[in-house]
Protein backbone atom coordinates (compact mmCIF):
# COMPACT_ATOMS: atom_id res chain seq x y z
CA UNK A 1 69.96 158.82 136.53
CA UNK A 2 71.17 156.02 138.52
CA UNK A 3 73.71 153.42 136.82
CA UNK A 4 71.66 150.78 135.01
CA UNK A 5 68.80 153.58 133.54
CA UNK A 6 71.52 155.03 132.04
CA UNK A 7 73.13 152.11 130.81
CA UNK A 8 69.48 150.76 129.38
CA UNK A 9 69.50 153.96 127.62
CA UNK A 10 72.88 154.10 125.95
CA UNK A 11 71.76 149.90 124.94
CA UNK A 12 68.43 151.15 123.46
CA UNK A 13 70.11 154.29 121.74
CA UNK A 14 72.38 151.94 120.11
CA UNK A 15 70.06 149.19 119.09
CA UNK A 16 67.53 152.64 117.42
CA UNK A 17 70.81 153.32 115.85
CA UNK A 18 72.89 150.35 114.39
CA UNK A 19 69.62 147.69 114.62
CA UNK A 20 68.93 148.11 110.75
CA UNK A 21 72.56 148.72 109.11
CA UNK A 22 73.88 146.01 111.05
CA UNK A 23 70.84 143.49 109.69
CA UNK A 24 71.75 144.84 106.51
CA UNK A 25 74.97 143.65 106.78
CA UNK A 26 73.91 140.15 108.49
CA UNK A 27 71.96 139.58 105.95
CA UNK A 28 73.78 140.46 103.14
CA UNK A 29 76.57 137.72 104.49
CA UNK A 30 74.07 134.71 105.17
CA UNK A 31 71.50 135.60 102.16
CA UNK A 32 69.18 134.72 105.26
CA UNK A 33 67.26 137.39 106.85
CA UNK A 34 65.93 135.46 110.04
CA UNK A 35 69.55 133.80 110.88
CA UNK A 36 70.47 137.72 110.24
CA UNK A 37 68.17 139.08 112.78
CA UNK A 38 69.86 136.61 115.52
CA UNK A 39 73.59 137.25 114.50
CA UNK A 40 72.17 141.40 115.38
CA UNK A 41 70.15 140.05 118.58
CA UNK A 42 73.31 138.41 119.77
CA UNK A 43 75.47 141.36 118.98
CA UNK A 44 73.46 142.95 121.15
CA UNK A 45 73.00 140.59 123.94
CA UNK A 46 76.71 141.07 124.20
CA UNK A 47 76.67 145.25 123.91
CA UNK A 48 74.07 144.06 127.10
CA UNK A 49 77.50 143.15 129.13
CA UNK A 50 79.67 145.16 127.35
CA UNK A 51 80.60 148.74 129.49
CA UNK A 52 80.10 151.60 127.66
CA UNK A 53 83.62 153.51 128.72
CA UNK A 54 85.54 150.84 127.00
CA UNK A 55 84.19 150.62 123.95
CA UNK A 56 82.45 154.62 122.85
CA UNK A 57 84.99 155.58 121.31
CA UNK A 58 84.76 152.89 118.49
CA UNK A 59 81.16 151.36 118.84
CA UNK A 60 80.09 151.58 115.30
CA UNK A 61 83.66 149.19 114.69
CA UNK A 62 83.10 146.88 117.84
CA UNK A 63 79.04 146.23 116.71
CA UNK A 64 80.15 145.40 113.48
CA UNK A 65 82.96 142.96 114.10
CA UNK A 66 81.05 140.81 116.56
CA UNK A 67 77.87 140.90 114.12
CA UNK A 68 80.53 139.61 111.59
CA UNK A 69 82.11 136.86 114.61
CA UNK A 70 78.82 135.23 114.81
CA UNK A 71 77.76 135.30 111.89
CA UNK A 72 80.99 133.26 110.62
CA UNK A 73 80.51 131.31 113.74
CA UNK A 74 76.95 130.24 112.34
CA UNK A 75 78.47 130.02 108.44
CA UNK A 76 80.66 127.15 110.11
CA UNK A 77 77.72 125.74 111.86
CA UNK A 78 75.77 125.24 108.62
CA UNK A 79 79.13 124.07 106.54
CA UNK A 80 78.56 126.44 103.84
CA UNK A 81 78.83 129.70 102.14
CA UNK A 82 75.92 130.98 100.72
CA UNK A 83 75.38 134.25 96.99
CA UNK A 84 75.37 137.58 98.90
CA UNK A 85 73.67 141.14 98.36
CA UNK A 86 75.23 143.52 98.86
CA UNK A 87 73.49 146.52 97.31
CA UNK A 88 70.72 147.58 98.05
CA UNK A 89 69.04 149.22 94.61
CA UNK A 90 67.87 152.96 95.12
CA UNK A 91 64.23 153.39 94.27
CA UNK A 92 64.61 154.63 90.23
CA UNK A 93 63.01 158.48 89.45
CA UNK A 94 60.05 157.56 87.89
CA UNK A 95 59.78 160.66 86.56
CA UNK A 96 62.68 160.47 83.49
CA UNK A 97 61.46 156.83 82.31
CA UNK A 98 64.65 156.35 80.17
CA UNK A 99 66.80 157.87 82.63
CA UNK A 100 65.03 155.50 85.32
CA UNK A 101 65.24 152.38 83.13
CA UNK A 102 69.25 153.83 82.33
CA UNK A 103 69.25 153.76 86.01
CA UNK A 104 67.66 150.53 87.16
CA UNK A 105 69.59 148.48 83.98
CA UNK A 106 73.30 150.04 85.45
CA UNK A 107 72.02 148.94 89.22
CA UNK A 108 71.46 145.64 88.12
CA UNK A 109 74.64 145.01 86.10
CA UNK A 110 76.55 147.12 89.33
CA UNK A 111 74.49 143.97 91.15
CA UNK A 112 76.07 141.18 89.50
CA UNK A 113 78.99 142.42 89.03
CA UNK A 114 79.65 142.83 92.64
CA UNK A 115 78.10 139.35 93.04
CA UNK A 116 80.98 137.63 91.46
CA UNK A 117 83.32 139.37 93.42
CA UNK A 118 85.26 137.45 96.43
CA UNK A 119 83.44 136.36 99.75
CA UNK A 120 86.36 139.13 101.38
CA UNK A 121 86.06 141.61 98.74
CA UNK A 122 82.54 141.14 98.60
CA UNK A 123 82.20 142.24 101.94
CA UNK A 124 84.84 144.62 102.34
CA UNK A 125 82.73 147.07 98.93
CA UNK A 126 79.30 146.70 101.64
CA UNK A 127 81.27 147.56 104.66
CA UNK A 128 83.42 151.18 102.41
CA UNK A 129 80.01 151.70 100.07
CA UNK A 130 77.06 150.41 102.09
CA UNK A 131 77.93 150.79 105.53
CA UNK A 132 80.44 154.15 104.68
CA UNK A 133 83.58 152.46 107.10
CA UNK A 134 86.74 154.34 106.87
CA UNK A 135 89.82 151.16 105.95
CA UNK A 136 90.66 151.85 110.11
CA UNK A 137 86.82 151.09 111.00
CA UNK A 138 87.17 148.17 108.32
CA UNK A 139 90.37 146.19 109.63
CA UNK A 140 88.76 146.44 113.30
CA UNK A 141 86.04 144.42 112.20
CA UNK A 142 87.81 142.41 109.45
CA UNK A 143 90.57 141.64 111.29
CA UNK A 144 92.92 142.78 108.55
CA UNK A 145 95.42 145.34 108.19
CA UNK A 146 94.75 148.94 106.83
CA UNK A 147 96.63 148.17 103.93
CA UNK A 148 95.23 145.20 103.24
CA UNK A 149 91.87 146.23 103.21
CA UNK A 150 93.38 149.43 100.99
CA UNK A 151 94.82 146.60 98.40
CA UNK A 152 91.75 144.54 98.87
CA UNK A 153 89.22 147.31 98.19
CA UNK A 154 91.75 148.72 95.23
CA UNK A 155 91.60 144.88 93.74
CA UNK A 156 87.74 145.07 94.11
CA UNK A 157 86.94 148.24 92.64
CA UNK A 158 89.16 147.71 89.09
CA UNK A 159 87.96 144.46 88.98
CA UNK A 160 84.20 146.16 89.10
CA UNK A 161 85.53 148.86 86.73
CA UNK A 162 86.14 146.53 84.35
CA UNK A 163 83.74 144.34 84.71
CA UNK A 164 81.51 147.36 83.74
CA UNK A 165 82.87 148.46 81.32
CA UNK A 166 82.69 145.25 78.74
């Protein structure tokens, strides 16, 4: 297999694996699916120009960081920060209606509590709990230190617990 063909296959497999998570992430920051799709498309265009060996060992963090920078550029251009959607609801278990109702109510309370967090904390909660990134990966994506990521997540989780216990 020649080099350009191998690169195309790598890019295609990366798109297949990361397109949905990146779309959810960008949409959560932008509050707009169309603009999120544009940000993700730009992310993959930048991937096409990268050498695999330069980013393969930290590919997910690189993709999310590039996407995040593009989203920030879009937000600066529009000069507005809209509300974000960070938690995707899970389908409730309809075989137990009372439990399904309780689960839906809790999910709504959590979603409401998360939307009340400051933007930075809301973003970090999404990266950690929705996308499953480690503190180190979140630090790479956001440009924060690992310690700062830990502090901000701790503060966010504490605020969420306090809100949900009231």
